Amino acid sequence: MANRVMVQIPVSPEAAAALADADRRAKVGKLVSVMVQPSSPDEDPLAAVIAERKSDARAGKLTDREIDAELAAENAKRRL
């Protein structure tokens, strides 16, 4: 990974403690880079993971409206 750019991503205190290790940070950085960089314009790994989770929620009888409400509540809670 020759070209690297540093970004800040909010994580839990436990995750932050685990990321104090430089080797672990490098491995997580590579993983995140692979996850968010589509290999083609039609393929977005992050979108695929989100779609899979929504599919699981729908299988549990949740509606899209309920799923979106849960996501909004979780996002609001994390901003506090």
C-alpha atoms as a PDB file:
ATOM      1  CA  MET A   1       0.000   0.000   0.000  1.00  0.00           C
ATOM      2  CA  ALA A   2       2.354   2.655  -1.294  1.00  0.00           C
ATOM      3  CA  ASN A   3      -0.015   5.612  -1.416  1.00  0.00           C
ATOM      4  CA  ARG A   4      -1.783   6.084   1.886  1.00  0.00           C
ATOM      5  CA  VAL A   5      -4.098   8.806   3.091  1.00  0.00           C
ATOM      6  CA  MET A   6      -5.092   9.147   6.719  1.00  0.00           C
ATOM      7  CA  VAL A   7      -8.773   9.570   7.615  1.00  0.00           C
ATOM      8  CA  GLN A   8     -10.595   9.620  10.927  1.00  0.00           C
ATOM      9  CA  ILE A   9     -13.304   7.033  11.507  1.00  0.00           C
ATOM     10  CA  PRO A  10     -15.281   7.018  14.766  1.00  0.00           C
ATOM     11  CA  VAL A  11     -14.988   3.683  16.595  1.00  0.00           C
ATOM     12  CA  SER A  12     -15.862   2.350  20.021  1.00  0.00           C
ATOM     13  CA  PRO A  13     -13.347   2.792  22.856  1.00  0.00           C
ATOM     14  CA  GLU A  14     -12.643  -0.957  22.692  1.00  0.00           C
ATOM     15  CA  ALA A  15     -11.884  -0.766  18.980  1.00  0.00           C
ATOM     16  CA  ALA A  16      -9.669   2.279  19.530  1.00  0.00           C
ATOM     17  CA  ALA A  17      -7.696   0.368  22.162  1.00  0.00           C
ATOM     18  CA  ALA A  18      -7.270  -2.570  19.785  1.00  0.00           C
ATOM     19  CA  LEU A  19      -6.104  -0.193  17.047  1.00  0.00           C
ATOM     20  CA  ALA A  20      -3.300   1.133  19.235  1.00  0.00           C
ATOM     21  CA  ASP A  21      -1.221  -1.696  17.728  1.00  0.00           C
ATOM     22  CA  ALA A  22       0.422  -0.510  14.463  1.00  0.00           C
ATOM     23  CA  ASP A  23       0.298  -3.947  12.800  1.00  0.00           C
ATOM     24  CA  ARG A  24      -3.409  -4.285  13.547  1.00  0.00           C
ATOM     25  CA  ARG A  25      -4.052  -0.750  12.218  1.00  0.00           C
ATOM     26  CA  ALA A  26      -2.277  -1.639   8.977  1.00  0.00           C
ATOM     27  CA  LYS A  27      -4.364  -4.807   8.565  1.00  0.00           C
ATOM     28  CA  VAL A  28      -7.617  -2.970   9.296  1.00  0.00           C
ATOM     29  CA  GLY A  29      -6.600  -0.210   6.875  1.00  0.00           C
ATOM     30  CA  LYS A  30      -6.091  -2.763   4.103  1.00  0.00           C
ATOM     31  CA  LEU A  31      -9.430  -4.390   4.910  1.00  0.00           C
ATOM     32  CA  VAL A  32     -11.275  -1.060   4.835  1.00  0.00           C
ATOM     33  CA  SER A  33      -9.577  -0.122   1.557  1.00  0.00           C
ATOM     34  CA  VAL A  34     -10.744  -3.367  -0.057  1.00  0.00           C
ATOM     35  CA  MET A  35     -14.263  -3.048   1.364  1.00  0.00           C
ATOM     36  CA  VAL A  36     -14.978   0.457   0.133  1.00  0.00           C
ATOM     37  CA  GLN A  37     -13.185   0.382  -3.209  1.00  0.00           C
ATOM     38  CA  PRO A  38     -15.355  -1.279  -5.849  1.00  0.00           C
ATOM     39  CA  SER A  39     -13.487  -3.378  -8.395  1.00  0.00           C
ATOM     40  CA  SER A  40     -15.906  -2.088 -11.011  1.00  0.00           C
ATOM     41  CA  PRO A  41     -18.469   0.735 -11.121  1.00  0.00           C
ATOM     42  CA  ASP A  42     -21.290  -1.827 -10.772  1.00  0.00           C
ATOM     43  CA  GLU A  43     -19.740  -3.584  -7.777  1.00  0.00           C
ATOM     44  CA  ASP A  44     -19.643  -1.880  -4.369  1.00  0.00           C
ATOM     45  CA  PRO A  45     -18.698  -4.279  -1.546  1.00  0.00           C
ATOM     46  CA  LEU A  46     -20.023  -1.954   1.155  1.00  0.00           C
ATOM     47  CA  ALA A  47     -23.372  -1.599  -0.606  1.00  0.00           C
ATOM     48  CA  ALA A  48     -23.508  -5.393  -0.950  1.00  0.00           C
ATOM     49  CA  VAL A  49     -22.994  -5.865   2.804  1.00  0.00           C
ATOM     50  CA  ILE A  50     -25.703  -3.302   3.588  1.00  0.00           C
ATOM     51  CA  ALA A  51     -28.097  -4.960   1.132  1.00  0.00           C
ATOM     52  CA  GLU A  52     -27.424  -8.355   2.712  1.00  0.00           C
ATOM     53  CA  ARG A  53     -28.132  -7.023   6.212  1.00  0.00           C
ATOM     54  CA  LYS A  54     -31.365  -5.414   4.991  1.00  0.00           C
ATOM     55  CA  SER A  55     -32.355  -8.713   3.381  1.00  0.00           C
ATOM     56  CA  ASP A  56     -31.762 -10.485   6.706  1.00  0.00           C
ATOM     57  CA  ALA A  57     -33.902  -7.885   8.481  1.00  0.00           C
ATOM     58  CA  ARG A  58     -36.690  -8.276   5.932  1.00  0.00           C
ATOM     59  CA  ALA A  59     -36.578 -12.037   6.446  1.00  0.00           C
ATOM     60  CA  GLY A  60     -37.180 -11.257  10.128  1.00  0.00           C
ATOM     61  CA  LYS A  61     -40.390  -9.475   9.042  1.00  0.00           C
ATOM     62  CA  LEU A  62     -39.058  -5.916   9.380  1.00  0.00           C
ATOM     63  CA  THR A  63     -40.224  -3.388   6.808  1.00  0.00           C
ATOM     64  CA  ASP A  64     -37.881  -0.980   5.019  1.00  0.00           C
ATOM     65  CA  ARG A  65     -39.467   1.814   7.042  1.00  0.00           C
ATOM     66  CA  GLU A  66     -38.659   0.001  10.321  1.00  0.00           C
ATOM     67  CA  ILE A  67     -35.113  -0.747   9.154  1.00  0.00           C
ATOM     68  CA  ASP A  68     -34.540   2.900   8.189  1.00  0.00           C
ATOM     69  CA  ALA A  69     -35.962   4.050  11.553  1.00  0.00           C
ATOM     70  CA  GLU A  70     -33.583   1.705  13.413  1.00  0.00           C
ATOM     71  CA  LEU A  71     -30.625   2.966  11.388  1.00  0.00           C
ATOM     72  CA  ALA A  72     -31.600   6.581  12.041  1.00  0.00           C
ATOM     73  CA  ALA A  73     -31.962   5.913  15.780  1.00  0.00           C
ATOM     74  CA  GLU A  74     -28.562   4.199  15.897  1.00  0.00           C
ATOM     75  CA  ASN A  75     -26.911   7.040  13.961  1.00  0.00           C
ATOM     76  CA  ALA A  76     -28.486   9.623  16.285  1.00  0.00           C
ATOM     77  CA  LYS A  77     -27.307   7.692  19.344  1.00  0.00           C
ATOM     78  CA  ARG A  78     -23.740   7.577  18.016  1.00  0.00           C
ATOM     79  CA  ARG A  79     -23.714  11.360  17.482  1.00  0.00           C
ATOM     80  CA  LEU A  80     -24.425  12.081  21.156  1.00  0.00           C
END
